[in-house]
Amino acid sequence: MILVTTAGKIGAEASRLLAQRGAPVRVLVRNPEKVTGLVHAGVDVCQGDLEVPATIDAAMQNVTSVVLVSPAIPRQELNVIASAVRARVQHVVKIMSKASADSPIARRRGQFEIEQGLIASGLGYTLLKNNAYMQNFLMMARAIAETSSFGTATGDGRIGHVDTRDIAAVAAAIAASPSAHMGKTYWPTGPEVLSATEVAAVFSRVLGRTITFHSITVAQQKQGMLDVGLPENVAEDNANAVALMAKGDCDYVTGDVATILGQPPRSFEQFATDYAAAFSRQLVKG
């Protein structure tokens, strides 16, 4: 049995892909009624809470591999790691990004704490340190649909955006056959680095109308995230991360997705094509 610890974008897709390949997979969720589609796909849905170790232990029964994906609150993910140790789990795939003890970004400091806890646990593990997600642009979808423009504080910084569907596929592949990936760290990215101006050009080509990019301040970036409903601490963290992107923090690509999946990662153009309806004026008018 493979346990996926949440049913967000990556967790839900990884669960679906594992079920599709015939692997026994269980997902831990707070609200089972929100994931009925996964039940229909053959996923075992277990109700629980990462704050409550007893519920994690219940979900961990007969589990051999874990896909550890959550908002990366150290207490919660360390609860999962401790439960995996008790259950004698063989392998944990940790979904994360860059991490360091002295990062100005709280999330990265938390990720470092979790990473160190996982390594110290003695469990087999693989770390997926992902570049920025293409799906983050969905937070700006309504603005793009209504105004044919978007603003970020990335400036001229170029980013190797990666599609969360590819992250899910990589995590699923490793969780299903972990032996070749024990103790390894991968840095999944898309196939190219793009500036926000180049992203706007891709959107223009795919959507059939001119999409423009305008630079905004880090403070405006934070407010924009608050406006779409992100909590204050998350908006602050994300805005600080965007500020680092402007300085080249995410200006890199790797071949890790292709190496693990045997096929290239999705391009930003593929992402924009697949999600075109979200950026459509028709959606707003409707």
C-alpha atoms as a PDB file:
ATOM      1  CA  MET A   1       0.000   0.000   0.000  1.00  0.00           C
ATOM      2  CA  ILE A   2       1.169   3.523  -0.863  1.00  0.00           C
ATOM      3  CA  LEU A   3      -0.061   6.396   1.325  1.00  0.00           C
ATOM      4  CA  VAL A   4      -0.441   9.920  -0.058  1.00  0.00           C
ATOM      5  CA  THR A   5      -0.750  12.407   2.779  1.00  0.00           C
ATOM      6  CA  THR A   6      -3.052  15.020   1.212  1.00  0.00           C
ATOM      7  CA  ALA A   7      -5.350  15.362  -1.808  1.00  0.00           C
ATOM      8  CA  GLY A   8      -4.243  18.734  -3.162  1.00  0.00           C
ATOM      9  CA  LYS A   9      -3.105  19.281  -6.752  1.00  0.00           C
ATOM     10  CA  ILE A  10      -0.116  16.948  -6.515  1.00  0.00           C
ATOM     11  CA  GLY A  11      -1.515  14.464  -4.001  1.00  0.00           C
ATOM     12  CA  ALA A  12      -4.770  13.901  -5.873  1.00  0.00           C
ATOM     13  CA  GLU A  13      -3.023  13.437  -9.214  1.00  0.00           C
ATOM     14  CA  ALA A  14      -0.375  11.119  -7.755  1.00  0.00           C
ATOM     15  CA  SER A  15      -3.143   9.032  -6.157  1.00  0.00           C
ATOM     16  CA  ARG A  16      -5.047   8.829  -9.424  1.00  0.00           C
ATOM     17  CA  LEU A  17      -1.937   7.836 -11.389  1.00  0.00           C
ATOM     18  CA  LEU A  18      -1.015   5.137  -8.877  1.00  0.00           C
ATOM     19  CA  ALA A  19      -4.539   3.695  -8.991  1.00  0.00           C
ATOM     20  CA  GLN A  20      -4.410   3.825 -12.777  1.00  0.00           C
ATOM     21  CA  ARG A  21      -1.278   1.687 -12.816  1.00  0.00           C
ATOM     22  CA  GLY A  22      -2.908  -0.831 -10.480  1.00  0.00           C
ATOM     23  CA  ALA A  23      -0.942   0.054  -7.357  1.00  0.00           C
ATOM     24  CA  PRO A  24      -2.849  -0.087  -4.053  1.00  0.00           C
ATOM     25  CA  VAL A  25      -3.030   3.534  -2.922  1.00  0.00           C
ATOM     26  CA  ARG A  26      -4.597   5.327   0.025  1.00  0.00           C
ATOM     27  CA  VAL A  27      -5.010   9.060   0.537  1.00  0.00           C
ATOM     28  CA  LEU A  28      -5.403  10.775   3.900  1.00  0.00           C
ATOM     29  CA  VAL A  29      -7.969  13.589   3.888  1.00  0.00           C
ATOM     30  CA  ARG A  30      -9.964  15.642   6.365  1.00  0.00           C
ATOM     31  CA  ASN A  31     -13.111  15.728   4.244  1.00  0.00           C
ATOM     32  CA  PRO A  32     -13.770  12.532   2.259  1.00  0.00           C
ATOM     33  CA  GLU A  33     -16.828  14.074   0.598  1.00  0.00           C
ATOM     34  CA  LYS A  34     -14.509  16.404  -1.328  1.00  0.00           C
ATOM     35  CA  VAL A  35     -12.627  13.559  -3.037  1.00  0.00           C
ATOM     36  CA  THR A  36     -15.379  11.266  -4.293  1.00  0.00           C
ATOM     37  CA  GLY A  37     -13.687  11.326  -7.701  1.00  0.00           C
ATOM     38  CA  LEU A  38     -10.669   9.565  -6.195  1.00  0.00           C
ATOM     39  CA  VAL A  39     -12.909   6.897  -4.690  1.00  0.00           C
ATOM     40  CA  HIS A  40     -14.361   6.258  -8.146  1.00  0.00           C
ATOM     41  CA  ALA A  41     -10.804   6.039  -9.505  1.00  0.00           C
ATOM     42  CA  GLY A  42     -10.037   3.207  -7.088  1.00  0.00           C
ATOM     43  CA  VAL A  43      -8.235   5.121  -4.345  1.00  0.00           C
ATOM     44  CA  ASP A  44      -8.765   4.104  -0.717  1.00  0.00           C
ATOM     45  CA  VAL A  45      -9.795   7.317   1.059  1.00  0.00           C
ATOM     46  CA  CYS A  46      -8.980   7.491   4.769  1.00  0.00           C
ATOM     47  CA  GLN A  47     -10.271  10.312   6.969  1.00  0.00           C
ATOM     48  CA  GLY A  48      -7.703  11.855   9.262  1.00  0.00           C
ATOM     49  CA  ASP A  49      -5.706  14.901  10.254  1.00  0.00           C
ATOM     50  CA  LEU A  50      -1.957  15.481  10.152  1.00  0.00           C
ATOM     51  CA  GLU A  51      -2.301  17.167  13.552  1.00  0.00           C
ATOM     52  CA  VAL A  52      -3.645  13.928  15.086  1.00  0.00           C
ATOM     53  CA  PRO A  53      -1.002  11.140  15.175  1.00  0.00           C
ATOM     54  CA  ALA A  54      -3.552   8.415  15.917  1.00  0.00           C
ATOM     55  CA  THR A  55      -5.338   9.098  12.631  1.00  0.00           C
ATOM     56  CA  ILE A  56      -2.038   9.024  10.750  1.00  0.00           C
ATOM     57  CA  ASP A  57      -1.188   5.693  12.389  1.00  0.00           C
ATOM     58  CA  ALA A  58      -4.549   4.306  11.247  1.00  0.00           C
ATOM     59  CA  ALA A  59      -3.872   5.409   7.665  1.00  0.00           C
ATOM     60  CA  MET A  60      -0.334   3.991   7.834  1.00  0.00           C
ATOM     61  CA  GLN A  61      -1.504   0.371   8.296  1.00  0.00           C
ATOM     62  CA  ASN A  62       0.179  -1.980   5.779  1.00  0.00           C
ATOM     63  CA  VAL A  63       1.869   0.943   4.026  1.00  0.00           C
ATOM     64  CA  THR A  64       5.254   0.396   2.361  1.00  0.00           C
ATOM     65  CA  SER A  65       5.738   3.801   0.672  1.00  0.00           C
ATOM     66  CA  VAL A  66       4.563   7.328   1.502  1.00  0.00           C
ATOM     67  CA  VAL A  67       4.201  10.356  -0.740  1.00  0.00           C
ATOM     68  CA  LEU A  68       4.647  13.185   1.766  1.00  0.00           C
ATOM     69  CA  VAL A  69       2.956  16.261   0.310  1.00  0.00           C
ATOM     70  CA  SER A  70       1.305  18.978   2.394  1.00  0.00           C
ATOM     71  CA  PRO A  71       1.658  22.711   3.151  1.00  0.00           C
ATOM     72  CA  ALA A  72       4.918  21.714   4.889  1.00  0.00           C
ATOM     73  CA  ILE A  73       4.096  22.610   8.473  1.00  0.00           C
ATOM     74  CA  PRO A  74       6.996  20.934  10.288  1.00  0.00           C
ATOM     75  CA  ARG A  75       4.919  19.591  13.175  1.00  0.00           C
ATOM     76  CA  GLN A  76       2.494  17.888  10.798  1.00  0.00           C
ATOM     77  CA  GLU A  77       5.048  16.355   8.456  1.00  0.00           C
ATOM     78  CA  LEU A  78       7.233  15.223  11.336  1.00  0.00           C
ATOM     79  CA  ASN A  79       4.101  13.501  12.695  1.00  0.00           C
ATOM     80  CA  VAL A  80       3.896  11.588   9.418  1.00  0.00           C
ATOM     81  CA  ILE A  81       7.585  10.664   9.547  1.00  0.00           C
ATOM     82  CA  ALA A  82       7.262   9.407  13.142  1.00  0.00           C
ATOM     83  CA  SER A  83       4.227   7.336  12.165  1.00  0.00           C
ATOM     84  CA  ALA A  84       6.106   5.893   9.188  1.00  0.00           C
ATOM     85  CA  VAL A  85       8.918   4.841  11.512  1.00  0.00           C
ATOM     86  CA  ARG A  86       6.446   3.111  13.830  1.00  0.00           C
ATOM     87  CA  ALA A  87       4.869   1.322  10.863  1.00  0.00           C
ATOM     88  CA  ARG A  88       8.278   0.266   9.470  1.00  0.00           C
ATOM     89  CA  VAL A  89       7.592   1.979   6.155  1.00  0.00           C
ATOM     90  CA  GLN A  90      10.309   1.372   3.591  1.00  0.00           C
ATOM     91  CA  HIS A  91      10.349   4.653   1.678  1.00  0.00           C
ATOM     92  CA  VAL A  92       9.136   8.268   1.751  1.00  0.00           C
ATOM     93  CA  VAL A  93       8.932  10.546  -1.299  1.00  0.00           C
ATOM     94  CA  LYS A  94       9.110  14.103   0.049  1.00  0.00           C
ATOM     95  CA  ILE A  95       7.579  16.838  -2.132  1.00  0.00           C
ATOM     96  CA  MET A  96       9.325  20.138  -1.460  1.00  0.00           C
ATOM     97  CA  SER A  97      11.298  23.028  -2.930  1.00  0.00           C
ATOM     98  CA  LYS A  98      14.558  24.644  -1.959  1.00  0.00           C
ATOM     99  CA  ALA A  99      15.288  24.437   1.762  1.00  0.00           C
ATOM    100  CA  SER A 100      17.828  25.968   4.120  1.00  0.00           C
ATOM    101  CA  ALA A 101      18.061  26.764   7.813  1.00  0.00           C
ATOM    102  CA  ASP A 102      18.847  30.443   7.184  1.00  0.00           C
ATOM    103  CA  SER A 103      16.438  31.170   4.328  1.00  0.00           C
ATOM    104  CA  PRO A 104      14.502  34.465   4.510  1.00  0.00           C
ATOM    105  CA  ILE A 105      11.452  32.406   3.519  1.00  0.00           C
ATOM    106  CA  ALA A 106       9.752  30.698   6.455  1.00  0.00           C
ATOM    107  CA  ARG A 107       8.494  27.829   4.289  1.00  0.00           C
ATOM    108  CA  ARG A 108      12.037  26.970   3.250  1.00  0.00           C
ATOM    109  CA  ARG A 109      13.199  26.974   6.854  1.00  0.00           C
ATOM    110  CA  GLY A 110      10.340  24.620   7.664  1.00  0.00           C
ATOM    111  CA  GLN A 111      11.216  22.401   4.735  1.00  0.00           C
ATOM    112  CA  PHE A 112      14.788  22.195   6.007  1.00  0.00           C
ATOM    113  CA  GLU A 113      13.562  21.078   9.441  1.00  0.00           C
ATOM    114  CA  ILE A 114      11.387  18.396   7.843  1.00  0.00           C
ATOM    115  CA  GLU A 115      14.173  17.265   5.514  1.00  0.00           C
ATOM    116  CA  GLN A 116      16.570  16.876   8.419  1.00  0.00           C
ATOM    117  CA  GLY A 117      13.962  14.959  10.397  1.00  0.00           C
ATOM    118  CA  LEU A 118      13.359  12.603   7.497  1.00  0.00           C
ATOM    119  CA  ILE A 119      17.063  11.927   6.949  1.00  0.00           C
ATOM    120  CA  ALA A 120      17.605  11.362  10.680  1.00  0.00           C
ATOM    121  CA  SER A 121      14.640   8.955  10.890  1.00  0.00           C
ATOM    122  CA  GLY A 122      16.502   6.141   9.149  1.00  0.00           C
ATOM    123  CA  LEU A 123      13.692   5.712   6.614  1.00  0.00           C
ATOM    124  CA  GLY A 124      14.462   5.275   2.946  1.00  0.00           C
ATOM    125  CA  TYR A 125      13.703   8.560   1.199  1.00  0.00           C
ATOM    126  CA  THR A 126      13.762  10.553  -2.017  1.00  0.00           C
ATOM    127  CA  LEU A 127      13.588  14.350  -2.078  1.00  0.00           C
ATOM    128  CA  LEU A 128      11.838  16.178  -4.924  1.00  0.00           C
ATOM    129  CA  LYS A 129      12.981  19.808  -4.742  1.00  0.00           C
ATOM    130  CA  ASN A 130      10.712  21.363  -7.332  1.00  0.00           C
ATOM    131  CA  ASN A 131      10.984  24.603  -9.244  1.00  0.00           C
ATOM    132  CA  ALA A 132       8.034  27.042  -9.280  1.00  0.00           C
ATOM    133  CA  TYR A 133       4.711  25.523 -10.326  1.00  0.00           C
ATOM    134  CA  MET A 134       3.027  26.493 -13.585  1.00  0.00           C
ATOM    135  CA  GLN A 135      -0.308  26.112 -11.804  1.00  0.00           C
ATOM    136  CA  ASN A 136       0.547  29.172  -9.682  1.00  0.00           C
ATOM    137  CA  PHE A 137      -0.625  31.200 -12.690  1.00  0.00           C
ATOM    138  CA  LEU A 138      -4.149  29.965 -12.028  1.00  0.00           C
ATOM    139  CA  MET A 139      -4.251  32.440  -9.135  1.00  0.00           C
ATOM    140  CA  MET A 140      -4.025  35.162 -11.808  1.00  0.00           C
ATOM    141  CA  ALA A 141      -6.466  33.502 -14.198  1.00  0.00           C
ATOM    142  CA  ARG A 142      -9.356  35.864 -13.547  1.00  0.00           C
ATOM    143  CA  ALA A 143      -7.142  38.938 -13.997  1.00  0.00           C
ATOM    144  CA  ILE A 144      -5.793  37.545 -17.269  1.00  0.00           C
ATOM    145  CA  ALA A 145      -9.326  36.730 -18.456  1.00  0.00           C
ATOM    146  CA  GLU A 146     -10.724  40.149 -17.529  1.00  0.00           C
ATOM    147  CA  THR A 147      -7.804  42.446 -18.425  1.00  0.00           C
ATOM    148  CA  SER A 148      -5.580  40.392 -20.772  1.00  0.00           C
ATOM    149  CA  SER A 149      -2.687  41.252 -18.500  1.00  0.00           C
ATOM    150  CA  PHE A 150      -0.989  40.132 -15.323  1.00  0.00           C
ATOM    151  CA  GLY A 151       1.565  41.511 -12.919  1.00  0.00           C
ATOM    152  CA  THR A 152       4.234  39.884 -10.803  1.00  0.00           C
ATOM    153  CA  ALA A 153       7.308  41.037  -8.914  1.00  0.00           C
ATOM    154  CA  THR A 154       9.559  38.631 -10.842  1.00  0.00           C
ATOM    155  CA  GLY A 155      10.812  41.456 -13.068  1.00  0.00           C
ATOM    156  CA  ASP A 156      13.209  40.068 -15.671  1.00  0.00           C
ATOM    157  CA  GLY A 157      13.914  36.941 -13.638  1.00  0.00           C
ATOM    158  CA  ARG A 158      13.648  33.721 -15.605  1.00  0.00           C
ATOM    159  CA  ILE A 159      12.066  30.593 -14.125  1.00  0.00           C
ATOM    160  CA  GLY A 160      12.107  26.899 -15.008  1.00  0.00           C
ATOM    161  CA  HIS A 161       8.392  26.452 -14.211  1.00  0.00           C
ATOM    162  CA  VAL A 162       7.260  22.851 -13.751  1.00  0.00           C
ATOM    163  CA  ASP A 163       3.761  21.433 -14.179  1.00  0.00           C
ATOM    164  CA  THR A 164       2.340  19.907 -10.989  1.00  0.00           C
ATOM    165  CA  ARG A 165       1.057  16.996 -13.084  1.00  0.00           C
ATOM    166  CA  ASP A 166       4.657  16.091 -13.879  1.00  0.00           C
ATOM    167  CA  ILE A 167       5.599  16.309 -10.203  1.00  0.00           C
ATOM    168  CA  ALA A 168       2.738  13.950  -9.387  1.00  0.00           C
ATOM    169  CA  ALA A 169       3.848  11.537 -12.092  1.00  0.00           C
ATOM    170  CA  VAL A 170       7.440  11.573 -10.830  1.00  0.00           C
ATOM    171  CA  ALA A 171       6.301  11.014  -7.237  1.00  0.00           C
ATOM    172  CA  ALA A 172       4.023   8.153  -8.281  1.00  0.00           C
ATOM    173  CA  ALA A 173       6.745   6.467 -10.323  1.00  0.00           C
ATOM    174  CA  ILE A 174       9.232   6.641  -7.459  1.00  0.00           C
ATOM    175  CA  ALA A 175       6.734   5.523  -4.800  1.00  0.00           C
ATOM    176  CA  ALA A 176       5.767   2.509  -6.905  1.00  0.00           C
ATOM    177  CA  SER A 177       9.392   1.448  -7.545  1.00  0.00           C
ATOM    178  CA  PRO A 178      11.622   3.206  -5.011  1.00  0.00           C
ATOM    179  CA  SER A 179      14.751   1.054  -4.967  1.00  0.00           C
ATOM    180  CA  ALA A 180      16.663   2.986  -7.643  1.00  0.00           C
ATOM    181  CA  HIS A 181      15.880   6.317  -5.984  1.00  0.00           C
ATOM    182  CA  MET A 182      16.833   5.671  -2.356  1.00  0.00           C
ATOM    183  CA  GLY A 183      18.677   8.586  -0.779  1.00  0.00           C
ATOM    184  CA  LYS A 184      18.551  10.698  -3.929  1.00  0.00           C
ATOM    185  CA  THR A 185      17.568  14.317  -4.401  1.00  0.00           C
ATOM    186  CA  TYR A 186      15.977  15.436  -7.663  1.00  0.00           C
ATOM    187  CA  TRP A 187      15.298  18.965  -8.907  1.00  0.00           C
ATOM    188  CA  PRO A 188      12.278  18.700 -11.233  1.00  0.00           C
ATOM    189  CA  THR A 189      11.721  21.564 -13.684  1.00  0.00           C
ATOM    190  CA  GLY A 190      10.022  22.194 -16.963  1.00  0.00           C
ATOM    191  CA  PRO A 191      11.963  22.101 -20.249  1.00  0.00           C
ATOM    192  CA  GLU A 192      12.839  25.816 -20.415  1.00  0.00           C
ATOM    193  CA  VAL A 193      13.347  28.986 -18.411  1.00  0.00           C
ATOM    194  CA  LEU A 194      10.967  31.836 -19.151  1.00  0.00           C
ATOM    195  CA  SER A 195      10.702  35.432 -17.998  1.00  0.00           C
ATOM    196  CA  ALA A 196       7.252  36.831 -17.268  1.00  0.00           C
ATOM    197  CA  THR A 197       7.396  38.706 -20.572  1.00  0.00           C
ATOM    198  CA  GLU A 198       8.049  35.411 -22.350  1.00  0.00           C
ATOM    199  CA  VAL A 199       5.200  33.791 -20.414  1.00  0.00           C
ATOM    200  CA  ALA A 200       2.902  36.573 -21.651  1.00  0.00           C
ATOM    201  CA  ALA A 201       3.982  35.802 -25.216  1.00  0.00           C
ATOM    202  CA  VAL A 202       3.086  32.126 -24.711  1.00  0.00           C
ATOM    203  CA  PHE A 203      -0.344  33.060 -23.345  1.00  0.00           C
ATOM    204  CA  SER A 204      -0.872  35.414 -26.287  1.00  0.00           C
ATOM    205  CA  ARG A 205      -0.100  32.672 -28.777  1.00  0.00           C
ATOM    206  CA  VAL A 206      -2.279  30.074 -27.071  1.00  0.00           C
ATOM    207  CA  LEU A 207      -5.256  32.306 -26.222  1.00  0.00           C
ATOM    208  CA  GLY A 208      -5.297  34.126 -29.540  1.00  0.00           C
ATOM    209  CA  ARG A 209      -5.180  37.617 -28.041  1.00  0.00           C
ATOM    210  CA  THR A 210      -2.436  39.860 -26.733  1.00  0.00           C
ATOM    211  CA  ILE A 211      -1.573  39.224 -23.083  1.00  0.00           C
ATOM    212  CA  THR A 212       0.762  41.721 -21.466  1.00  0.00           C
ATOM    213  CA  PHE A 213       2.956  41.606 -18.394  1.00  0.00           C
ATOM    214  CA  HIS A 214       3.522  44.534 -16.052  1.00  0.00           C
ATOM    215  CA  SER A 215       5.995  44.557 -13.198  1.00  0.00           C
ATOM    216  CA  ILE A 216       4.693  45.170  -9.678  1.00  0.00           C
ATOM    217  CA  THR A 217       6.303  45.617  -6.274  1.00  0.00           C
ATOM    218  CA  VAL A 218       6.723  42.858  -3.717  1.00  0.00           C
ATOM    219  CA  ALA A 219       4.134  44.620  -1.528  1.00  0.00           C
ATOM    220  CA  GLN A 220       1.661  44.592  -4.406  1.00  0.00           C
ATOM    221  CA  GLN A 221       2.456  40.936  -5.014  1.00  0.00           C
ATOM    222  CA  LYS A 222       1.566  40.130  -1.417  1.00  0.00           C
ATOM    223  CA  GLN A 223      -1.680  42.090  -1.619  1.00  0.00           C
ATOM    224  CA  GLY A 224      -2.638  40.273  -4.800  1.00  0.00           C
ATOM    225  CA  MET A 225      -2.232  36.953  -3.021  1.00  0.00           C
ATOM    226  CA  LEU A 226      -4.292  38.181  -0.094  1.00  0.00           C
ATOM    227  CA  ASP A 227      -6.965  39.237  -2.576  1.00  0.00           C
ATOM    228  CA  VAL A 228      -7.308  35.675  -3.888  1.00  0.00           C
ATOM    229  CA  GLY A 229      -7.718  34.346  -0.373  1.00  0.00           C
ATOM    230  CA  LEU A 230      -4.266  33.252   0.779  1.00  0.00           C
ATOM    231  CA  PRO A 231      -3.551  33.594   4.515  1.00  0.00           C
ATOM    232  CA  GLU A 232      -1.301  36.469   5.593  1.00  0.00           C
ATOM    233  CA  ASN A 233       1.719  34.289   6.411  1.00  0.00           C
ATOM    234  CA  VAL A 234       1.470  32.366   3.139  1.00  0.00           C
ATOM    235  CA  ALA A 235       1.084  35.548   1.097  1.00  0.00           C
ATOM    236  CA  GLU A 236       4.123  37.045   2.847  1.00  0.00           C
ATOM    237  CA  ASP A 237       6.189  33.927   2.211  1.00  0.00           C
ATOM    238  CA  ASN A 238       5.154  33.676  -1.424  1.00  0.00           C
ATOM    239  CA  ALA A 239       5.870  37.341  -2.070  1.00  0.00           C
ATOM    240  CA  ASN A 240       9.362  36.941  -0.609  1.00  0.00           C
ATOM    241  CA  ALA A 241       9.912  33.903  -2.818  1.00  0.00           C
ATOM    242  CA  VAL A 242       8.858  35.914  -5.871  1.00  0.00           C
ATOM    243  CA  ALA A 243      11.365  38.605  -4.917  1.00  0.00           C
ATOM    244  CA  LEU A 244      14.109  35.967  -5.005  1.00  0.00           C
ATOM    245  CA  MET A 245      12.891  34.797  -8.425  1.00  0.00           C
ATOM    246  CA  ALA A 246      13.565  38.300  -9.731  1.00  0.00           C
ATOM    247  CA  LYS A 247      17.184  37.769  -8.701  1.00  0.00           C
ATOM    248  CA  GLY A 248      17.550  34.453 -10.553  1.00  0.00           C
ATOM    249  CA  ASP A 249      16.672  32.031  -7.741  1.00  0.00           C
ATOM    250  CA  CYS A 250      14.678  29.778 -10.100  1.00  0.00           C
ATOM    251  CA  ASP A 251      16.670  30.334 -13.291  1.00  0.00           C
ATOM    252  CA  TYR A 252      17.597  26.711 -13.993  1.00  0.00           C
ATOM    253  CA  VAL A 253      16.381  23.567 -15.723  1.00  0.00           C
ATOM    254  CA  THR A 254      17.274  19.923 -15.182  1.00  0.00           C
ATOM    255  CA  GLY A 255      16.581  16.689 -16.989  1.00  0.00           C
ATOM    256  CA  ASP A 256      15.243  14.945 -13.882  1.00  0.00           C
ATOM    257  CA  VAL A 257      11.611  14.631 -15.028  1.00  0.00           C
ATOM    258  CA  ALA A 258      12.656  13.060 -18.331  1.00  0.00           C
ATOM    259  CA  THR A 259      15.133  10.762 -16.590  1.00  0.00           C
ATOM    260  CA  ILE A 260      12.495   9.367 -14.234  1.00  0.00           C
ATOM    261  CA  LEU A 261       9.479   9.303 -16.559  1.00  0.00           C
ATOM    262  CA  GLY A 262      11.210   8.491 -19.835  1.00  0.00           C
ATOM    263  CA  GLN A 263       9.497  11.442 -21.514  1.00  0.00           C
ATOM    264  CA  PRO A 264      10.046  15.205 -21.463  1.00  0.00           C
ATOM    265  CA  PRO A 265       8.211  17.438 -18.989  1.00  0.00           C
ATOM    266  CA  ARG A 266       5.262  19.509 -20.148  1.00  0.00           C
ATOM    267  CA  SER A 267       6.115  22.902 -21.620  1.00  0.00           C
ATOM    268  CA  PHE A 268       4.487  26.114 -20.470  1.00  0.00           C
ATOM    269  CA  GLU A 269       2.707  26.213 -23.809  1.00  0.00           C
ATOM    270  CA  GLN A 270       1.183  22.805 -23.061  1.00  0.00           C
ATOM    271  CA  PHE A 271       0.085  24.026 -19.638  1.00  0.00           C
ATOM    272  CA  ALA A 272      -1.501  27.166 -21.128  1.00  0.00           C
ATOM    273  CA  THR A 273      -3.267  25.079 -23.772  1.00  0.00           C
ATOM    274  CA  ASP A 274      -4.624  22.559 -21.267  1.00  0.00           C
ATOM    275  CA  TYR A 275      -5.905  25.287 -18.935  1.00  0.00           C
ATOM    276  CA  ALA A 276      -6.958  27.787 -21.622  1.00  0.00           C
ATOM    277  CA  ALA A 277     -10.571  27.812 -20.401  1.00  0.00           C
ATOM    278  CA  ALA A 278      -9.441  29.193 -17.037  1.00  0.00           C
ATOM    279  CA  PHE A 279      -7.937  32.238 -18.773  1.00  0.00           C
ATOM    280  CA  SER A 280     -10.877  32.682 -21.157  1.00  0.00           C
ATOM    281  CA  ARG A 281     -13.072  35.787 -21.321  1.00  0.00           C
ATOM    282  CA  GLN A 282     -16.032  33.476 -21.869  1.00  0.00           C
ATOM    283  CA  LEU A 283     -15.530  32.031 -18.392  1.00  0.00           C
ATOM    284  CA  VAL A 284     -15.721  35.494 -16.855  1.00  0.00           C
ATOM    285  CA  LYS A 285     -18.760  36.501 -18.912  1.00  0.00           C
ATOM    286  CA  GLY A 286     -20.507  33.277 -17.922  1.00  0.00           C
END
